[in-house]
Amino acid sequence: MLDVRNLTVTYAGGAAAVRGVDLRLEAGRKLGVAGESGCGKSTLALALLRLLPAGTRVGGEVLLDGEDVLTMKWGRVRAVRWAGASIVFQGRCTPQPRAAGR
């Protein structure tokens, strides 16, 4: 189970990208996150697996089966990324218009 409690993310320059996110996802379930451009969707996903740039401050808890991802040793984080959790970023869904004559 994934249990996120009061997740906050602030980039090195001071931009608060995620503020107070709480969510719970049962094992084997999937979650889609939708929102406007720049609202923090990608930052949220990257924070869950500690994939943010150096200098980014992440607060709260990200519990995966009761273990806090934010305090795991790097070897354990790599194992979780490989076998326990993954992120699939969605590309643009709308077809691109074709130029006339193509």
PDB file of N, CA and C in Angstrom:
ATOM      1  N   MET A   1       0.828  -1.165   0.000  1.00  0.00           N
ATOM      2  CA  MET A   1       0.000   0.000   0.000  1.00  0.00           C
ATOM      3  C   MET A   1       0.884   1.244   0.000  1.00  0.00           C
ATOM      4  N   LEU A   2       0.453   2.265  -0.729  1.00  0.00           N
ATOM      5  CA  LEU A   2       1.119   3.557  -0.754  1.00  0.00           C
ATOM      6  C   LEU A   2       0.285   4.514   0.077  1.00  0.00           C
ATOM      7  N   ASP A   3       0.912   5.138   1.058  1.00  0.00           N
ATOM      8  CA  ASP A   3       0.222   6.075   1.939  1.00  0.00           C
ATOM      9  C   ASP A   3       1.066   7.341   1.999  1.00  0.00           C
ATOM     10  N   VAL A   4       0.572   8.419   1.410  1.00  0.00           N
ATOM     11  CA  VAL A   4       1.286   9.690   1.372  1.00  0.00           C
ATOM     12  C   VAL A   4       0.613  10.629   2.358  1.00  0.00           C
ATOM     13  N   ARG A   5       1.437  11.215   3.229  1.00  0.00           N
ATOM     14  CA  ARG A   5       0.910  12.078   4.284  1.00  0.00           C
ATOM     15  C   ARG A   5       1.603  13.434   4.264  1.00  0.00           C
ATOM     16  N   ASN A   6       0.819  14.476   4.021  1.00  0.00           N
ATOM     17  CA  ASN A   6       1.281  15.863   4.082  1.00  0.00           C
ATOM     18  C   ASN A   6       2.559  16.091   3.269  1.00  0.00           C
ATOM     19  N   LEU A   7       2.587  15.582   2.053  1.00  0.00           N
ATOM     20  CA  LEU A   7       3.765  15.718   1.196  1.00  0.00           C
ATOM     21  C   LEU A   7       3.921  17.163   0.743  1.00  0.00           C
ATOM     22  N   THR A   8       5.128  17.686   0.911  1.00  0.00           N
ATOM     23  CA  THR A   8       5.469  19.020   0.429  1.00  0.00           C
ATOM     24  C   THR A   8       6.764  18.932  -0.367  1.00  0.00           C
ATOM     25  N   VAL A   9       6.848  19.726  -1.425  1.00  0.00           N
ATOM     26  CA  VAL A   9       8.062  19.782  -2.238  1.00  0.00           C
ATOM     27  C   VAL A   9       8.348  21.247  -2.549  1.00  0.00           C
ATOM     28  N   THR A  10       9.573  21.657  -2.225  1.00  0.00           N
ATOM     29  CA  THR A  10      10.020  23.014  -2.522  1.00  0.00           C
ATOM     30  C   THR A  10      11.352  22.912  -3.259  1.00  0.00           C
ATOM     31  N   TYR A  11      11.403  23.503  -4.456  1.00  0.00           N
ATOM     32  CA  TYR A  11      12.628  23.462  -5.248  1.00  0.00           C
ATOM     33  C   TYR A  11      13.683  24.395  -4.653  1.00  0.00           C
ATOM     34  N   ALA A  12      14.931  24.183  -5.017  1.00  0.00           N
ATOM     35  CA  ALA A  12      16.061  24.929  -4.461  1.00  0.00           C
ATOM     36  C   ALA A  12      15.875  26.439  -4.565  1.00  0.00           C
ATOM     37  N   GLY A  13      15.243  26.926  -5.595  1.00  0.00           N
ATOM     38  CA  GLY A  13      15.018  28.363  -5.758  1.00  0.00           C
ATOM     39  C   GLY A  13      13.907  28.914  -4.889  1.00  0.00           C
ATOM     40  N   GLY A  14      13.213  28.037  -4.153  1.00  0.00           N
ATOM     41  CA  GLY A  14      12.147  28.479  -3.258  1.00  0.00           C
ATOM     42  C   GLY A  14      10.739  28.261  -3.762  1.00  0.00           C
ATOM     43  N   ALA A  15      10.589  27.747  -4.975  1.00  0.00           N
ATOM     44  CA  ALA A  15       9.250  27.516  -5.520  1.00  0.00           C
ATOM     45  C   ALA A  15       8.599  26.317  -4.827  1.00  0.00           C
ATOM     46  N   ALA A  16       7.461  26.566  -4.184  1.00  0.00           N
ATOM     47  CA  ALA A  16       6.699  25.491  -3.533  1.00  0.00           C
ATOM     48  C   ALA A  16       5.833  24.824  -4.594  1.00  0.00           C
ATOM     49  N   ALA A  17       6.207  23.620  -4.988  1.00  0.00           N
ATOM     50  CA  ALA A  17       5.535  22.941  -6.099  1.00  0.00           C
ATOM     51  C   ALA A  17       4.412  22.015  -5.636  1.00  0.00           C
ATOM     52  N   VAL A  18       4.545  21.444  -4.440  1.00  0.00           N
ATOM     53  CA  VAL A  18       3.535  20.541  -3.886  1.00  0.00           C
ATOM     54  C   VAL A  18       3.336  20.949  -2.433  1.00  0.00           C
ATOM     55  N   ARG A  19       2.077  21.074  -2.020  1.00  0.00           N
ATOM     56  CA  ARG A  19       1.789  21.509  -0.651  1.00  0.00           C
ATOM     57  C   ARG A  19       0.703  20.644  -0.031  1.00  0.00           C
ATOM     58  N   GLY A  20       1.071  19.866   0.972  1.00  0.00           N
ATOM     59  CA  GLY A  20       0.099  19.151   1.791  1.00  0.00           C
ATOM     60  C   GLY A  20      -0.699  18.061   1.099  1.00  0.00           C
ATOM     61  N   VAL A  21      -0.070  17.271   0.254  1.00  0.00           N
ATOM     62  CA  VAL A  21      -0.775  16.195  -0.453  1.00  0.00           C
ATOM     63  C   VAL A  21      -0.913  14.971   0.450  1.00  0.00           C
ATOM     64  N   ASP A  22      -2.119  14.446   0.532  1.00  0.00           N
ATOM     65  CA  ASP A  22      -2.418  13.205   1.231  1.00  0.00           C
ATOM     66  C   ASP A  22      -3.120  12.283   0.244  1.00  0.00           C
ATOM     67  N   LEU A  23      -2.676  11.040   0.168  1.00  0.00           N
ATOM     68  CA  LEU A  23      -3.379  10.058  -0.658  1.00  0.00           C
ATOM     69  C   LEU A  23      -3.051   8.658  -0.168  1.00  0.00           C
ATOM     70  N   ARG A  24      -3.932   7.733  -0.483  1.00  0.00           N
ATOM     71  CA  ARG A  24      -3.736   6.336  -0.122  1.00  0.00           C
ATOM     72  C   ARG A  24      -4.120   5.495  -1.334  1.00  0.00           C
ATOM     73  N   LEU A  25      -3.248   4.532  -1.644  1.00  0.00           N
ATOM     74  CA  LEU A  25      -3.472   3.662  -2.792  1.00  0.00           C
ATOM     75  C   LEU A  25      -3.200   2.231  -2.361  1.00  0.00           C
ATOM     76  N   GLU A  26      -4.199   1.398  -2.449  1.00  0.00           N
ATOM     77  CA  GLU A  26      -4.065  -0.006  -2.057  1.00  0.00           C
ATOM     78  C   GLU A  26      -3.162  -0.758  -3.033  1.00  0.00           C
ATOM     79  N   ALA A  27      -2.517  -1.785  -2.566  1.00  0.00           N
ATOM     80  CA  ALA A  27      -1.611  -2.601  -3.388  1.00  0.00           C
ATOM     81  C   ALA A  27      -2.342  -3.106  -4.629  1.00  0.00           C
ATOM     82  N   GLY A  28      -1.656  -3.060  -5.759  1.00  0.00           N
ATOM     83  CA  GLY A  28      -2.216  -3.555  -7.011  1.00  0.00           C
ATOM     84  C   GLY A  28      -3.106  -2.571  -7.736  1.00  0.00           C
ATOM     85  N   ARG A  29      -3.392  -1.427  -7.139  1.00  0.00           N
ATOM     86  CA  ARG A  29      -4.256  -0.423  -7.768  1.00  0.00           C
ATOM     87  C   ARG A  29      -3.406   0.578  -8.547  1.00  0.00           C
ATOM     88  N   LYS A  30      -4.046   1.294  -9.440  1.00  0.00           N
ATOM     89  CA  LYS A  30      -3.379   2.320 -10.239  1.00  0.00           C
ATOM     90  C   LYS A  30      -4.019   3.662  -9.934  1.00  0.00           C
ATOM     91  N   LEU A  31      -3.239   4.721 -10.116  1.00  0.00           N
ATOM     92  CA  LEU A  31      -3.737   6.069  -9.863  1.00  0.00           C
ATOM     93  C   LEU A  31      -3.348   6.967 -11.024  1.00  0.00           C
ATOM     94  N   GLY A  32      -4.294   7.682 -11.548  1.00  0.00           N
ATOM     95  CA  GLY A  32      -4.024   8.690 -12.562  1.00  0.00           C
ATOM     96  C   GLY A  32      -4.117  10.061 -11.918  1.00  0.00           C
ATOM     97  N   VAL A  33      -3.201  10.938 -12.270  1.00  0.00           N
ATOM     98  CA  VAL A  33      -3.208  12.301 -11.735  1.00  0.00           C
ATOM     99  C   VAL A  33      -3.382  13.247 -12.916  1.00  0.00           C
ATOM    100  N   ALA A  34      -4.411  14.068 -12.856  1.00  0.00           N
ATOM    101  CA  ALA A  34      -4.698  15.010 -13.938  1.00  0.00           C
ATOM    102  C   ALA A  34      -4.748  16.421 -13.375  1.00  0.00           C
ATOM    103  N   GLY A  35      -4.404  17.375 -14.204  1.00  0.00           N
ATOM    104  CA  GLY A  35      -4.468  18.773 -13.786  1.00  0.00           C
ATOM    105  C   GLY A  35      -3.826  19.658 -14.825  1.00  0.00           C
ATOM    106  N   GLU A  36      -3.921  20.951 -14.568  1.00  0.00           N
ATOM    107  CA  GLU A  36      -3.369  21.931 -15.489  1.00  0.00           C
ATOM    108  C   GLU A  36      -1.854  21.842 -15.553  1.00  0.00           C
ATOM    109  N   SER A  37      -1.291  22.337 -16.616  1.00  0.00           N
ATOM    110  CA  SER A  37       0.153  22.401 -16.779  1.00  0.00           C
ATOM    111  C   SER A  37       0.747  23.233 -15.642  1.00  0.00           C
ATOM    112  N   GLY A  38       1.808  22.709 -15.016  1.00  0.00           N
ATOM    113  CA  GLY A  38       2.479  23.440 -13.956  1.00  0.00           C
ATOM    114  C   GLY A  38       1.862  23.305 -12.579  1.00  0.00           C
ATOM    115  N   CYS A  39       0.869  22.423 -12.431  1.00  0.00           N
ATOM    116  CA  CYS A  39       0.188  22.316 -11.133  1.00  0.00           C
ATOM    117  C   CYS A  39       0.891  21.378 -10.151  1.00  0.00           C
ATOM    118  N   GLY A  40       1.965  20.680 -10.582  1.00  0.00           N
ATOM    119  CA  GLY A  40       2.710  19.833  -9.662  1.00  0.00           C
ATOM    120  C   GLY A  40       2.549  18.338  -9.858  1.00  0.00           C
ATOM    121  N   LYS A  41       1.893  17.909 -10.921  1.00  0.00           N
ATOM    122  CA  LYS A  41       1.671  16.473 -11.163  1.00  0.00           C
ATOM    123  C   LYS A  41       2.983  15.710 -11.267  1.00  0.00           C
ATOM    124  N   SER A  42       3.881  16.177 -12.122  1.00  0.00           N
ATOM    125  CA  SER A  42       5.162  15.491 -12.309  1.00  0.00           C
ATOM    126  C   SER A  42       6.017  15.575 -11.053  1.00  0.00           C
ATOM    127  N   THR A  43       6.015  16.714 -10.393  1.00  0.00           N
ATOM    128  CA  THR A  43       6.783  16.863  -9.161  1.00  0.00           C
ATOM    129  C   THR A  43       6.285  15.886  -8.109  1.00  0.00           C
ATOM    130  N   LEU A  44       4.983  15.734  -7.992  1.00  0.00           N
ATOM    131  CA  LEU A  44       4.404  14.763  -7.054  1.00  0.00           C
ATOM    132  C   LEU A  44       4.915  13.363  -7.369  1.00  0.00           C
ATOM    133  N   ALA A  45       4.816  12.962  -8.628  1.00  0.00           N
ATOM    134  CA  ALA A  45       5.246  11.615  -9.022  1.00  0.00           C
ATOM    135  C   ALA A  45       6.740  11.404  -8.768  1.00  0.00           C
ATOM    136  N   LEU A  46       7.549  12.389  -9.114  1.00  0.00           N
ATOM    137  CA  LEU A  46       8.994  12.268  -8.919  1.00  0.00           C
ATOM    138  C   LEU A  46       9.358  12.220  -7.436  1.00  0.00           C
ATOM    139  N   ALA A  47       8.630  12.946  -6.618  1.00  0.00           N
ATOM    140  CA  ALA A  47       8.890  12.947  -5.175  1.00  0.00           C
ATOM    141  C   ALA A  47       8.616  11.580  -4.557  1.00  0.00           C
ATOM    142  N   LEU A  48       7.622  10.869  -5.061  1.00  0.00           N
ATOM    143  CA  LEU A  48       7.253   9.570  -4.496  1.00  0.00           C
ATOM    144  C   LEU A  48       8.402   8.568  -4.570  1.00  0.00           C
ATOM    145  N   LEU A  49       9.253   8.701  -5.598  1.00  0.00           N
ATOM    146  CA  LEU A  49      10.367   7.764  -5.767  1.00  0.00           C
ATOM    147  C   LEU A  49      11.727   8.439  -5.632  1.00  0.00           C
ATOM    148  N   ARG A  50      11.750   9.614  -5.027  1.00  0.00           N
ATOM    149  CA  ARG A  50      13.001  10.352  -4.775  1.00  0.00           C
ATOM    150  C   ARG A  50      13.806  10.578  -6.051  1.00  0.00           C
ATOM    151  N   LEU A  51      13.146  11.066  -7.046  1.00  0.00           N
ATOM    152  CA  LEU A  51      13.785  11.325  -8.331  1.00  0.00           C
ATOM    153  C   LEU A  51      13.942  12.813  -8.621  1.00  0.00           C
ATOM    154  N   LEU A  52      13.808  13.656  -7.618  1.00  0.00           N
ATOM    155  CA  LEU A  52      13.909  15.102  -7.796  1.00  0.00           C
ATOM    156  C   LEU A  52      15.361  15.564  -7.782  1.00  0.00           C
ATOM    157  N   PRO A  53      15.647  16.738  -8.349  1.00  0.00           N
ATOM    158  CA  PRO A  53      17.021  17.241  -8.377  1.00  0.00           C
ATOM    159  C   PRO A  53      17.580  17.496  -6.978  1.00  0.00           C
ATOM    160  N   ALA A  54      18.892  17.435  -6.874  1.00  0.00           N
ATOM    161  CA  ALA A  54      19.570  17.741  -5.608  1.00  0.00           C
ATOM    162  C   ALA A  54      19.193  19.152  -5.177  1.00  0.00           C
ATOM    163  N   GLY A  55      19.035  19.344  -3.887  1.00  0.00           N
ATOM    164  CA  GLY A  55      18.686  20.646  -3.342  1.00  0.00           C
ATOM    165  C   GLY A  55      17.200  20.866  -3.166  1.00  0.00           C
ATOM    166  N   THR A  56      16.399  19.940  -3.683  1.00  0.00           N
ATOM    167  CA  THR A  56      14.951  20.037  -3.514  1.00  0.00           C
ATOM    168  C   THR A  56      14.579  19.552  -2.114  1.00  0.00           C
ATOM    169  N   ARG A  57      13.750  20.323  -1.420  1.00  0.00           N
ATOM    170  CA  ARG A  57      13.297  19.927  -0.080  1.00  0.00           C
ATOM    171  C   ARG A  57      11.970  19.191  -0.181  1.00  0.00           C
ATOM    172  N   VAL A  58      11.929  17.985   0.393  1.00  0.00           N
ATOM    173  CA  VAL A  58      10.722  17.171   0.393  1.00  0.00           C
ATOM    174  C   VAL A  58      10.368  16.888   1.847  1.00  0.00           C
ATOM    175  N   GLY A  59       9.125  17.155   2.219  1.00  0.00           N
ATOM    176  CA  GLY A  59       8.672  16.913   3.581  1.00  0.00           C
ATOM    177  C   GLY A  59       7.455  16.014   3.596  1.00  0.00           C
ATOM    178  N   GLY A  60       7.075  15.564   4.770  1.00  0.00           N
ATOM    179  CA  GLY A  60       5.947  14.660   4.922  1.00  0.00           C
ATOM    180  C   GLY A  60       6.422  13.221   4.954  1.00  0.00           C
ATOM    181  N   GLU A  61       5.524  12.318   4.624  1.00  0.00           N
ATOM    182  CA  GLU A  61       5.847  10.891   4.602  1.00  0.00           C
ATOM    183  C   GLU A  61       5.343  10.267   3.315  1.00  0.00           C
ATOM    184  N   VAL A  62       6.129   9.358   2.775  1.00  0.00           N
ATOM    185  CA  VAL A  62       5.740   8.543   1.624  1.00  0.00           C
ATOM    186  C   VAL A  62       5.952   7.103   2.067  1.00  0.00           C
ATOM    187  N   LEU A  63       4.892   6.483   2.561  1.00  0.00           N
ATOM    188  CA  LEU A  63       4.988   5.122   3.098  1.00  0.00           C
ATOM    189  C   LEU A  63       4.602   4.111   2.037  1.00  0.00           C
ATOM    190  N   LEU A  64       5.495   3.202   1.754  1.00  0.00           N
ATOM    191  CA  LEU A  64       5.240   2.098   0.832  1.00  0.00           C
ATOM    192  C   LEU A  64       5.294   0.830   1.650  1.00  0.00           C
ATOM    193  N   ASP A  65       4.159   0.204   1.840  1.00  0.00           N
ATOM    194  CA  ASP A  65       4.031  -0.966   2.712  1.00  0.00           C
ATOM    195  C   ASP A  65       4.604  -0.676   4.100  1.00  0.00           C
ATOM    196  N   GLY A  66       4.339   0.533   4.602  1.00  0.00           N
ATOM    197  CA  GLY A  66       4.742   0.923   5.939  1.00  0.00           C
ATOM    198  C   GLY A  66       6.153   1.462   6.070  1.00  0.00           C
ATOM    199  N   GLU A  67       6.933   1.428   4.992  1.00  0.00           N
ATOM    200  CA  GLU A  67       8.322   1.879   5.004  1.00  0.00           C
ATOM    201  C   GLU A  67       8.403   3.253   4.336  1.00  0.00           C
ATOM    202  N   ASP A  68       9.033   4.226   4.993  1.00  0.00           N
ATOM    203  CA  ASP A  68       9.089   5.583   4.466  1.00  0.00           C
ATOM    204  C   ASP A  68      10.152   5.697   3.373  1.00  0.00           C
ATOM    205  N   VAL A  69       9.706   5.922   2.163  1.00  0.00           N
ATOM    206  CA  VAL A  69      10.601   6.055   1.018  1.00  0.00           C
ATOM    207  C   VAL A  69      11.575   7.222   1.214  1.00  0.00           C
ATOM    208  N   LEU A  70      11.131   8.268   1.883  1.00  0.00           N
ATOM    209  CA  LEU A  70      11.961   9.460   2.048  1.00  0.00           C
ATOM    210  C   LEU A  70      13.141   9.242   2.984  1.00  0.00           C
ATOM    211  N   THR A  71      13.102   8.184   3.789  1.00  0.00           N
ATOM    212  CA  THR A  71      14.209   7.913   4.710  1.00  0.00           C
ATOM    213  C   THR A  71      14.947   6.613   4.377  1.00  0.00           C
ATOM    214  N   MET A  72      14.550   5.946   3.304  1.00  0.00           N
ATOM    215  CA  MET A  72      15.218   4.697   2.901  1.00  0.00           C
ATOM    216  C   MET A  72      16.659   4.949   2.483  1.00  0.00           C
ATOM    217  N   LYS A  73      17.512   3.966   2.671  1.00  0.00           N
ATOM    218  CA  LYS A  73      18.868   4.009   2.126  1.00  0.00           C
ATOM    219  C   LYS A  73      18.758   3.854   0.610  1.00  0.00           C
ATOM    220  N   TRP A  74      19.774   4.379  -0.114  1.00  0.00           N
ATOM    221  CA  TRP A  74      19.709   4.390  -1.575  1.00  0.00           C
ATOM    222  C   TRP A  74      19.559   3.003  -2.194  1.00  0.00           C
ATOM    223  N   GLY A  75      20.208   1.998  -1.639  1.00  0.00           N
ATOM    224  CA  GLY A  75      20.068   0.652  -2.177  1.00  0.00           C
ATOM    225  C   GLY A  75      18.634   0.166  -2.111  1.00  0.00           C
ATOM    226  N   ARG A  76      17.966   0.477  -1.027  1.00  0.00           N
ATOM    227  CA  ARG A  76      16.564   0.088  -0.862  1.00  0.00           C
ATOM    228  C   ARG A  76      15.672   0.873  -1.826  1.00  0.00           C
ATOM    229  N   VAL A  77      15.963   2.148  -2.000  1.00  0.00           N
ATOM    230  CA  VAL A  77      15.184   2.964  -2.942  1.00  0.00           C
ATOM    231  C   VAL A  77      15.290   2.383  -4.347  1.00  0.00           C
ATOM    232  N   ARG A  78      16.495   2.006  -4.753  1.00  0.00           N
ATOM    233  CA  ARG A  78      16.682   1.408  -6.089  1.00  0.00           C
ATOM    234  C   ARG A  78      15.882   0.110  -6.224  1.00  0.00           C
ATOM    235  N   ALA A  79      15.863  -0.693  -5.178  1.00  0.00           N
ATOM    236  CA  ALA A  79      15.100  -1.945  -5.223  1.00  0.00           C
ATOM    237  C   ALA A  79      13.607  -1.667  -5.356  1.00  0.00           C
ATOM    238  N   VAL A  80      13.131  -0.660  -4.648  1.00  0.00           N
ATOM    239  CA  VAL A  80      11.708  -0.297  -4.732  1.00  0.00           C
ATOM    240  C   VAL A  80      11.372   0.187  -6.130  1.00  0.00           C
ATOM    241  N   ARG A  81      12.240   1.017  -6.693  1.00  0.00           N
ATOM    242  CA  ARG A  81      12.001   1.512  -8.054  1.00  0.00           C
ATOM    243  C   ARG A  81      11.955   0.375  -9.057  1.00  0.00           C
ATOM    244  N   TRP A  82      12.774  -0.631  -8.854  1.00  0.00           N
ATOM    245  CA  TRP A  82      12.843  -1.750  -9.788  1.00  0.00           C
ATOM    246  C   TRP A  82      11.635  -2.674  -9.656  1.00  0.00           C
ATOM    247  N   ALA A  83      11.241  -2.987  -8.413  1.00  0.00           N
ATOM    248  CA  ALA A  83      10.237  -4.042  -8.227  1.00  0.00           C
ATOM    249  C   ALA A  83       8.934  -3.603  -7.580  1.00  0.00           C
ATOM    250  N   GLY A  84       8.945  -2.501  -6.830  1.00  0.00           N
ATOM    251  CA  GLY A  84       7.766  -2.190  -6.029  1.00  0.00           C
ATOM    252  C   GLY A  84       6.886  -1.070  -6.513  1.00  0.00           C
ATOM    253  N   ALA A  85       7.432  -0.155  -7.296  1.00  0.00           N
ATOM    254  CA  ALA A  85       6.656   1.007  -7.723  1.00  0.00           C
ATOM    255  C   ALA A  85       7.201   1.523  -9.042  1.00  0.00           C
ATOM    256  N   SER A  86       6.338   2.157  -9.818  1.00  0.00           N
ATOM    257  CA  SER A  86       6.788   2.726 -11.078  1.00  0.00           C
ATOM    258  C   SER A  86       5.912   3.910 -11.458  1.00  0.00           C
ATOM    259  N   ILE A  87       6.424   4.715 -12.360  1.00  0.00           N
ATOM    260  CA  ILE A  87       5.708   5.884 -12.863  1.00  0.00           C
ATOM    261  C   ILE A  87       5.670   5.778 -14.375  1.00  0.00           C
ATOM    262  N   VAL A  88       4.506   6.017 -14.953  1.00  0.00           N
ATOM    263  CA  VAL A  88       4.370   6.072 -16.401  1.00  0.00           C
ATOM    264  C   VAL A  88       3.851   7.458 -16.733  1.00  0.00           C
ATOM    265  N   PHE A  89       4.692   8.274 -17.376  1.00  0.00           N
ATOM    266  CA  PHE A  89       4.278   9.621 -17.745  1.00  0.00           C
ATOM    267  C   PHE A  89       3.505   9.556 -19.048  1.00  0.00           C
ATOM    268  N   GLN A  90       2.361  10.218 -19.081  1.00  0.00           N
ATOM    269  CA  GLN A  90       1.496  10.234 -20.251  1.00  0.00           C
ATOM    270  C   GLN A  90       1.947  11.331 -21.190  1.00  0.00           C
ATOM    271  N   GLY A  91       2.115  10.973 -22.442  1.00  0.00           N
ATOM    272  CA  GLY A  91       2.429  11.982 -23.445  1.00  0.00           C
ATOM    273  C   GLY A  91       1.162  12.697 -23.882  1.00  0.00           C
ATOM    274  N   ARG A  92       1.332  13.615 -24.758  1.00  0.00           N
ATOM    275  CA  ARG A  92       0.201  14.360 -25.298  1.00  0.00           C
ATOM    276  C   ARG A  92      -0.759  13.403 -26.005  1.00  0.00           C
ATOM    277  N   CYS A  93      -2.034  13.527 -25.726  1.00  0.00           N
ATOM    278  CA  CYS A  93      -3.024  12.580 -26.250  1.00  0.00           C
ATOM    279  C   CYS A  93      -3.694  13.040 -27.534  1.00  0.00           C
ATOM    280  N   THR A  94      -3.660  14.323 -27.815  1.00  0.00           N
ATOM    281  CA  THR A  94      -4.365  14.801 -28.986  1.00  0.00           C
ATOM    282  C   THR A  94      -3.494  14.665 -30.227  1.00  0.00           C
ATOM    283  N   PRO A  95      -4.085  14.223 -31.346  1.00  0.00           N
ATOM    284  CA  PRO A  95      -3.280  14.068 -32.559  1.00  0.00           C
ATOM    285  C   PRO A  95      -2.802  15.415 -33.076  1.00  0.00           C
ATOM    286  N   GLN A  96      -1.622  15.425 -33.666  1.00  0.00           N
ATOM    287  CA  GLN A  96      -1.076  16.654 -34.261  1.00  0.00           C
ATOM    288  C   GLN A  96      -1.726  16.887 -35.619  1.00  0.00           C
ATOM    289  N   PRO A  97      -2.096  18.138 -35.921  1.00  0.00           N
ATOM    290  CA  PRO A  97      -2.670  18.407 -37.238  1.00  0.00           C
ATOM    291  C   PRO A  97      -1.613  18.218 -38.326  1.00  0.00           C
ATOM    292  N   ARG A  98      -2.042  17.710 -39.457  1.00  0.00           N
ATOM    293  CA  ARG A  98      -1.130  17.504 -40.576  1.00  0.00           C
ATOM    294  C   ARG A  98      -1.217  18.690 -41.526  1.00  0.00           C
ATOM    295  N   ALA A  99      -0.101  19.050 -42.092  1.00  0.00           N
ATOM    296  CA  ALA A  99      -0.088  20.131 -43.074  1.00  0.00           C
ATOM    297  C   ALA A  99      -0.801  19.678 -44.330  1.00  0.00           C
ATOM    298  N   ALA A 100      -1.406  20.605 -45.033  1.00  0.00           N
ATOM    299  CA  ALA A 100      -2.125  20.285 -46.272  1.00  0.00           C
ATOM    300  C   ALA A 100      -1.155  19.644 -47.272  1.00  0.00           C
ATOM    301  N   GLY A 101      -1.612  18.650 -47.967  1.00  0.00           N
ATOM    302  CA  GLY A 101      -0.834  17.997 -48.997  1.00  0.00           C
ATOM    303  C   GLY A 101       0.078  16.891 -48.468  1.00  0.00           C
ATOM    304  N   ARG A 102       0.037  16.583 -47.223  1.00  0.00           N
ATOM    305  CA  ARG A 102       0.887  15.514 -46.688  1.00  0.00           C
ATOM    306  C   ARG A 102       0.104  14.264 -46.494  1.00  0.00           C
TER     307      ARG A 102
END
